[in-house]
Amino acid sequence: MMGTSNEGRATADREVDPACVVHVDLDGYADICRVHGWAFAGQRDAIFESGLRNAFEFLARYRVHATLFTIAQDIRDAAKKELLREAVGHRHEIGSHTTTHRDLRRLGPEDQRKEICESRDILEQSLGVPVLGFRAPGFSMDARSLGLLEPAGYHYDSSLFPDSRTAKRVGLDTISCSPHFVSGSRRLLELPMPAYAPLPVPFHPSYSLILGNGYFRMGIRRVRRTKAPLVLLFHLTDFADPLPTAELPGWKAKIYTLSFLSREEKLRRCARMLDLVRQHYRIVNTADLVIDTRALIETSMPAQEEQQRDQASRAVDLPSNHL
């Protein structure tokens, strides 16, 4: 009986831990080359293929169902499409990472619409699953692209950091560190990326594999104080087999592809990061977090609106009280 009681208390303790969702951005080597202006002459994308296969093994070991933010044009590649179908079979969720992985802030209205709206249509039709979430390449959003998400049918975005620079860029006064409805919407949720200031760069695993696991621990220690749900973002480079030096255009490519680390070292260090997260957070599916967050916000809205009406009423009554 004592064992049962302890298990019950342990379960109750875990229930009050903040939620964590695990995301993987599916940027392959072809996309990394495109961003940096490097030539990509390969017939197969080794980072995409080895990275996703290794990610499947890693996530299965921890029984994690992640959300995979997918570049829609990858559907045209037979090998990539097969891996994406396998991901669906493993019950990972699919999100959009645009159609061609271009910087949205550098695009005009029509190209932004194609990247945001058409990517969702392509992924849903090709993979036969709902695509509820969106992340902009490089987290690069402006007010116009943010405004396209709800009409395109997305339920949530996860592109924004809760800092003043990001808020100014998308035309908002502030961005909460907790999940929230995007300003002016009762449908589109923002699942913000974890704040990292005063650290110089985000602490997600891609950076922490370069800067050290101590950097990740510092970041987690800071965001835990907010008690907000955590978006734990991996990239395919975090799991992929290193590319041979002879195939890389220079030392920068070795850094950006994390090819200076062996597969085993990357997986070992990513496992340590996930173990740390699991000490303080409950791992949940993104779709479940969205449903629970929406219900929580909508439940609190009537009380907030009533409070606002009471405050407005008191403000109107105040002059007559002082006559």
Protein backbone atom coordinates (compact mmCIF):
# COMPACT_ATOMS: atom_id res chain seq x y z
CA MET A 1 0.00 0.00 0.00
CA MET A 2 2.85 2.37 0.77
CA GLY A 3 4.24 1.76 -2.71
CA THR A 4 0.91 2.64 -4.28
CA SER A 5 0.67 5.82 -2.23
CA ASN A 6 4.17 6.91 -3.24
CA GLU A 7 3.41 6.25 -6.89
CA GLY A 8 0.28 8.35 -6.57
CA ARG A 9 2.23 11.23 -5.07
CA ALA A 10 4.87 10.93 -7.80
CA THR A 11 2.17 11.06 -10.46
CA ALA A 12 0.58 14.09 -8.81
CA ASP A 13 3.96 15.83 -8.68
CA ARG A 14 4.49 15.20 -12.40
CA GLU A 15 1.04 16.60 -13.19
CA VAL A 16 2.05 20.01 -11.86
CA ASP A 17 5.27 20.12 -13.88
CA PRO A 18 5.04 22.41 -16.93
CA ALA A 19 4.52 20.73 -20.28
CA CYS A 20 7.22 20.34 -22.90
CA VAL A 21 6.74 19.68 -26.60
CA VAL A 22 9.54 18.30 -28.76
CA HIS A 23 9.95 19.79 -32.22
CA VAL A 24 12.35 18.94 -35.04
CA ASP A 25 12.97 21.33 -37.94
CA LEU A 26 13.69 19.25 -41.04
CA ASP A 27 16.32 21.45 -42.68
CA GLY A 28 18.49 19.19 -44.82
CA TYR A 29 21.93 19.84 -46.27
CA ALA A 30 20.41 21.24 -49.46
CA ASP A 31 18.57 23.87 -47.38
CA ILE A 32 21.66 24.72 -45.33
CA CYS A 33 23.65 25.19 -48.55
CA ARG A 34 20.94 27.40 -50.00
CA VAL A 35 20.87 29.66 -46.94
CA HIS A 36 24.65 30.10 -46.93
CA GLY A 37 25.14 30.32 -50.68
CA TRP A 38 27.06 27.06 -50.97
CA ALA A 39 26.78 24.73 -53.95
CA PHE A 40 24.87 21.50 -53.39
CA ALA A 41 25.78 18.96 -56.03
CA GLY A 42 24.66 15.79 -54.31
CA GLN A 43 21.95 13.49 -55.59
CA ARG A 44 20.83 12.58 -52.07
CA ASP A 45 20.58 14.75 -48.98
CA ALA A 46 22.67 12.86 -46.42
CA ILE A 47 21.78 15.13 -43.50
CA PHE A 48 18.06 14.76 -44.16
CA GLU A 49 18.17 11.00 -44.59
CA SER A 50 20.57 10.04 -41.79
CA GLY A 51 19.27 12.78 -39.51
CA LEU A 52 15.65 11.70 -39.75
CA ARG A 53 16.43 7.99 -39.41
CA ASN A 54 18.59 8.65 -36.36
CA ALA A 55 15.89 10.94 -34.96
CA PHE A 56 13.33 8.13 -35.27
CA GLU A 57 15.56 5.86 -33.16
CA PHE A 58 16.30 8.59 -30.61
CA LEU A 59 12.65 9.61 -30.16
CA ALA A 60 11.46 5.99 -30.02
CA ARG A 61 13.95 5.27 -27.23
CA TYR A 62 12.30 8.01 -25.16
CA ARG A 63 8.78 7.23 -26.39
CA VAL A 64 8.42 10.80 -27.65
CA HIS A 65 6.03 11.79 -30.42
CA ALA A 66 7.54 14.94 -31.88
CA THR A 67 6.27 17.55 -34.32
CA LEU A 68 8.34 17.60 -37.51
CA PHE A 69 8.35 20.99 -39.24
CA THR A 70 8.65 20.04 -42.87
CA ILE A 71 9.66 21.99 -45.99
CA ALA A 72 6.87 21.15 -48.42
CA GLN A 73 9.03 20.93 -51.56
CA ASP A 74 10.81 17.93 -50.01
CA ILE A 75 7.71 15.93 -50.95
CA ARG A 76 9.02 15.99 -54.54
CA ASP A 77 12.07 13.95 -53.49
CA ALA A 78 11.10 10.27 -53.43
CA ALA A 79 13.54 9.31 -50.66
CA LYS A 80 12.46 12.20 -48.45
CA LYS A 81 8.78 11.54 -49.09
CA GLU A 82 9.19 7.93 -48.04
CA LEU A 83 10.85 9.01 -44.79
CA LEU A 84 8.08 11.51 -44.13
CA ARG A 85 5.49 8.77 -44.62
CA GLU A 86 7.46 6.67 -42.17
CA ALA A 87 7.33 9.58 -39.71
CA VAL A 88 3.55 9.63 -39.96
CA GLY A 89 3.55 5.90 -39.33
CA HIS A 90 5.54 6.52 -36.15
CA ARG A 91 2.76 8.93 -35.08
CA HIS A 92 4.88 12.05 -35.26
CA GLU A 93 2.93 15.19 -36.07
CA ILE A 94 3.68 17.21 -39.21
CA GLY A 95 4.00 20.99 -39.21
CA SER A 96 4.87 23.41 -42.00
CA HIS A 97 8.30 25.00 -42.38
CA THR A 98 7.17 26.82 -45.57
CA THR A 99 7.32 25.56 -49.13
CA THR A 100 10.92 26.38 -50.09
CA HIS A 101 12.54 27.58 -46.82
CA ARG A 102 12.92 31.22 -47.84
CA ASP A 103 13.17 34.17 -45.45
CA LEU A 104 9.58 35.42 -45.23
CA ARG A 105 10.57 38.98 -44.36
CA ARG A 106 12.39 39.28 -47.69
CA LEU A 107 9.34 38.26 -49.71
CA GLY A 108 6.42 40.18 -51.15
CA PRO A 109 2.79 39.44 -50.22
CA GLU A 110 2.14 36.86 -52.96
CA ASP A 111 5.32 34.89 -52.29
CA GLN A 112 4.60 34.95 -48.56
CA ARG A 113 1.15 33.55 -49.25
CA LYS A 114 2.61 30.73 -51.36
CA GLU A 115 5.16 29.81 -48.71
CA ILE A 116 2.58 29.79 -45.91
CA CYS A 117 -0.68 28.68 -47.52
CA GLU A 118 0.50 26.35 -50.27
CA SER A 119 2.93 24.51 -48.00
CA ARG A 120 0.09 23.41 -45.74
CA ASP A 121 -2.00 22.23 -48.70
CA ILE A 122 0.90 20.29 -50.22
CA LEU A 123 1.77 18.51 -46.98
CA GLU A 124 -1.81 17.60 -46.10
CA GLN A 125 -2.59 16.27 -49.57
CA SER A 126 0.67 14.34 -49.89
CA LEU A 127 0.83 12.81 -46.41
CA GLY A 128 -2.86 12.56 -45.58
CA VAL A 129 -2.59 14.15 -42.14
CA PRO A 130 -3.71 17.50 -40.71
CA VAL A 131 -1.01 20.17 -40.60
CA LEU A 132 -1.85 22.38 -37.64
CA GLY A 133 1.38 24.21 -36.89
CA PHE A 134 3.83 26.55 -38.59
CA ARG A 135 7.40 27.70 -37.99
CA ALA A 136 9.13 30.31 -40.11
CA PRO A 137 12.64 29.59 -41.40
CA GLY A 138 15.12 31.32 -39.13
CA PHE A 139 12.16 32.40 -36.93
CA SER A 140 11.86 35.29 -39.42
CA MET A 141 8.32 36.67 -39.26
CA ASP A 142 6.71 40.05 -39.83
CA ALA A 143 3.19 41.30 -39.15
CA ARG A 144 1.97 40.46 -42.66
CA SER A 145 3.19 36.86 -42.62
CA LEU A 146 1.84 36.35 -39.10
CA GLY A 147 -1.52 37.63 -40.29
CA LEU A 148 -1.65 34.98 -43.04
CA LEU A 149 -1.54 32.01 -40.69
CA GLU A 150 -5.09 31.95 -39.34
CA PRO A 151 -6.78 32.40 -42.76
CA ALA A 152 -4.54 29.60 -44.08
CA GLY A 153 -6.04 27.24 -41.50
CA TYR A 154 -3.21 26.90 -39.01
CA HIS A 155 -4.06 26.36 -35.35
CA TYR A 156 -0.75 27.55 -33.96
CA ASP A 157 2.57 29.21 -34.76
CA SER A 158 5.89 28.59 -33.04
CA SER A 159 8.20 31.18 -34.57
CA LEU A 160 8.37 34.00 -32.02
CA PHE A 161 10.75 34.65 -29.16
CA PRO A 162 9.27 36.58 -26.21
CA ASP A 163 11.48 39.64 -26.54
CA SER A 164 10.98 43.27 -27.55
CA ARG A 165 12.88 42.97 -30.83
CA THR A 166 10.63 40.16 -32.07
CA ALA A 167 7.51 41.98 -30.83
CA LYS A 168 8.44 45.12 -32.76
CA ARG A 169 9.12 43.09 -35.91
CA VAL A 170 5.63 41.54 -35.90
CA GLY A 171 3.80 44.70 -34.77
CA LEU A 172 3.01 43.66 -31.18
CA ASP A 173 3.60 45.51 -27.92
CA THR A 174 4.86 42.41 -26.11
CA ILE A 175 5.05 38.64 -26.56
CA SER A 176 4.23 36.44 -23.58
CA CYS A 177 6.57 33.58 -22.69
CA SER A 178 3.49 31.36 -22.22
CA PRO A 179 1.24 30.01 -25.00
CA HIS A 180 -1.37 32.61 -25.94
CA PHE A 181 -3.76 33.67 -28.65
CA VAL A 182 -2.08 35.89 -31.21
CA SER A 183 -3.32 39.45 -30.84
CA GLY A 184 -6.75 39.90 -32.42
CA SER A 185 -7.39 36.17 -32.79
CA ARG A 186 -9.53 33.69 -30.89
CA ARG A 187 -8.16 30.73 -32.82
CA LEU A 188 -4.45 31.09 -33.65
CA LEU A 189 -2.18 30.23 -30.72
CA GLU A 190 1.43 31.22 -30.39
CA LEU A 191 3.66 28.59 -28.78
CA PRO A 192 6.63 30.89 -28.16
CA MET A 193 10.21 29.77 -28.33
CA PRO A 194 11.97 29.88 -24.95
CA ALA A 195 13.47 33.23 -23.98
CA TYR A 196 17.26 33.20 -23.88
CA ALA A 197 18.34 36.75 -22.92
CA PRO A 198 20.82 37.70 -21.56
CA LEU A 199 22.49 34.71 -23.25
CA PRO A 200 23.79 35.73 -26.69
CA VAL A 201 21.99 33.07 -28.77
CA PRO A 202 19.18 30.54 -28.22
CA PHE A 203 20.13 27.48 -26.19
CA HIS A 204 18.36 24.80 -28.20
CA PRO A 205 20.48 21.72 -28.93
CA SER A 206 21.93 22.92 -32.25
CA TYR A 207 23.67 25.81 -30.48
CA SER A 208 24.39 23.84 -27.31
CA LEU A 209 26.14 21.10 -29.26
CA ILE A 210 28.60 23.81 -30.31
CA LEU A 211 28.76 25.81 -27.07
CA GLY A 212 28.52 22.88 -24.66
CA ASN A 213 25.84 21.23 -22.55
CA GLY A 214 26.57 23.75 -19.80
CA TYR A 215 25.07 26.39 -22.07
CA PHE A 216 21.90 24.31 -22.35
CA ARG A 217 21.74 23.92 -18.57
CA MET A 218 21.99 27.69 -18.12
CA GLY A 219 19.14 28.24 -20.56
CA ILE A 220 16.89 25.65 -18.94
CA ARG A 221 17.64 27.04 -15.49
CA ARG A 222 16.47 30.49 -16.62
CA VAL A 223 13.28 29.42 -18.43
CA ARG A 224 12.20 27.16 -15.58
CA ARG A 225 11.60 30.29 -13.51
CA THR A 226 8.77 31.30 -15.85
CA LYS A 227 6.91 28.01 -15.22
CA ALA A 228 5.76 28.24 -18.85
CA PRO A 229 5.55 25.25 -21.21
CA LEU A 230 8.78 24.59 -23.08
CA VAL A 231 9.34 24.18 -26.81
CA LEU A 232 12.40 21.93 -27.13
CA LEU A 233 13.63 22.38 -30.68
CA PHE A 234 16.00 20.00 -32.41
CA HIS A 235 17.30 20.15 -35.99
CA LEU A 236 18.29 17.29 -38.25
CA THR A 237 21.94 18.26 -37.89
CA ASP A 238 21.66 17.32 -34.19
CA PHE A 239 21.10 13.67 -35.14
CA ALA A 240 22.73 13.30 -38.56
CA ASP A 241 25.88 11.38 -39.41
CA PRO A 242 28.77 13.84 -39.96
CA LEU A 243 29.51 14.72 -43.56
CA PRO A 244 33.00 13.84 -44.88
CA THR A 245 35.33 16.85 -44.79
CA ALA A 246 36.07 16.43 -48.50
CA GLU A 247 32.38 17.05 -49.31
CA LEU A 248 32.18 20.29 -47.32
CA PRO A 249 32.98 23.72 -48.82
CA GLY A 250 34.99 24.86 -45.81
CA TRP A 251 35.32 24.96 -42.03
CA LYS A 252 32.12 27.01 -41.61
CA ALA A 253 30.14 24.22 -43.26
CA LYS A 254 31.68 21.76 -40.81
CA ILE A 255 30.37 23.91 -37.94
CA TYR A 256 26.91 24.61 -39.37
CA THR A 257 26.32 20.95 -40.20
CA LEU A 258 27.78 19.84 -36.83
CA SER A 259 30.07 17.55 -38.81
CA PHE A 260 32.88 18.10 -36.29
CA LEU A 261 30.98 15.74 -33.95
CA SER A 262 30.41 12.03 -34.42
CA ARG A 263 26.90 10.64 -34.55
CA GLU A 264 27.47 8.88 -31.24
CA GLU A 265 28.66 12.05 -29.50
CA LYS A 266 25.70 14.08 -30.75
CA LEU A 267 23.17 11.47 -29.67
CA ARG A 268 24.83 11.07 -26.27
CA ARG A 269 24.75 14.81 -25.61
CA CYS A 270 21.21 15.23 -26.94
CA ALA A 271 20.16 12.42 -24.60
CA ARG A 272 21.64 14.33 -21.66
CA MET A 273 19.72 17.44 -22.68
CA LEU A 274 16.46 15.54 -22.95
CA ASP A 275 17.11 13.83 -19.61
CA LEU A 276 17.52 17.24 -18.00
CA VAL A 277 14.29 18.47 -19.53
CA ARG A 278 12.42 15.39 -18.35
CA GLN A 279 13.48 16.11 -14.77
CA HIS A 280 11.46 19.33 -14.79
CA TYR A 281 8.84 19.03 -17.56
CA ARG A 282 6.16 16.62 -18.79
CA ILE A 283 6.68 15.64 -22.43
CA VAL A 284 3.38 15.96 -24.33
CA ASN A 285 2.23 16.02 -27.94
CA THR A 286 1.92 19.47 -29.48
CA ALA A 287 -1.69 18.84 -30.55
CA ASP A 288 -2.61 18.01 -26.95
CA LEU A 289 -0.88 21.12 -25.63
CA VAL A 290 -2.78 23.26 -28.14
CA ILE A 291 -6.13 21.72 -27.14
CA ASP A 292 -5.43 22.08 -23.42
CA THR A 293 -4.13 25.64 -23.76
CA ARG A 294 -7.09 26.76 -25.83
CA ALA A 295 -9.52 25.27 -23.29
CA LEU A 296 -7.68 26.93 -20.40
CA ILE A 297 -7.65 30.35 -22.07
CA GLU A 298 -11.29 30.15 -23.17
CA THR A 299 -12.36 29.11 -19.67
CA SER A 300 -10.61 32.13 -18.17
CA MET A 301 -11.92 34.59 -20.76
CA PRO A 302 -15.47 35.07 -19.34
CA ALA A 303 -14.04 35.94 -15.91
CA GLN A 304 -11.55 38.35 -17.48
CA GLU A 305 -14.25 39.98 -19.59
CA GLU A 306 -16.53 40.33 -16.57
CA GLN A 307 -13.70 41.94 -14.63
CA GLN A 308 -13.07 44.36 -17.50
CA ARG A 309 -16.78 45.27 -17.63
CA ASP A 310 -16.81 45.89 -13.87
CA GLN A 311 -13.77 48.11 -14.16
CA ALA A 312 -15.32 50.03 -17.04
CA SER A 313 -18.58 50.42 -15.10
CA ARG A 314 -16.76 51.77 -12.07
CA ALA A 315 -14.88 54.20 -14.28
CA VAL A 316 -18.14 55.49 -15.74
CA ASP A 317 -19.77 55.77 -12.31
CA LEU A 318 -16.80 57.54 -10.75
CA PRO A 319 -17.69 61.17 -11.73
CA SER A 320 -21.25 60.92 -10.33
CA ASN A 321 -19.88 59.53 -7.08
CA HIS A 322 -17.79 62.62 -6.68
CA LEU A 323 -20.49 65.20 -7.46
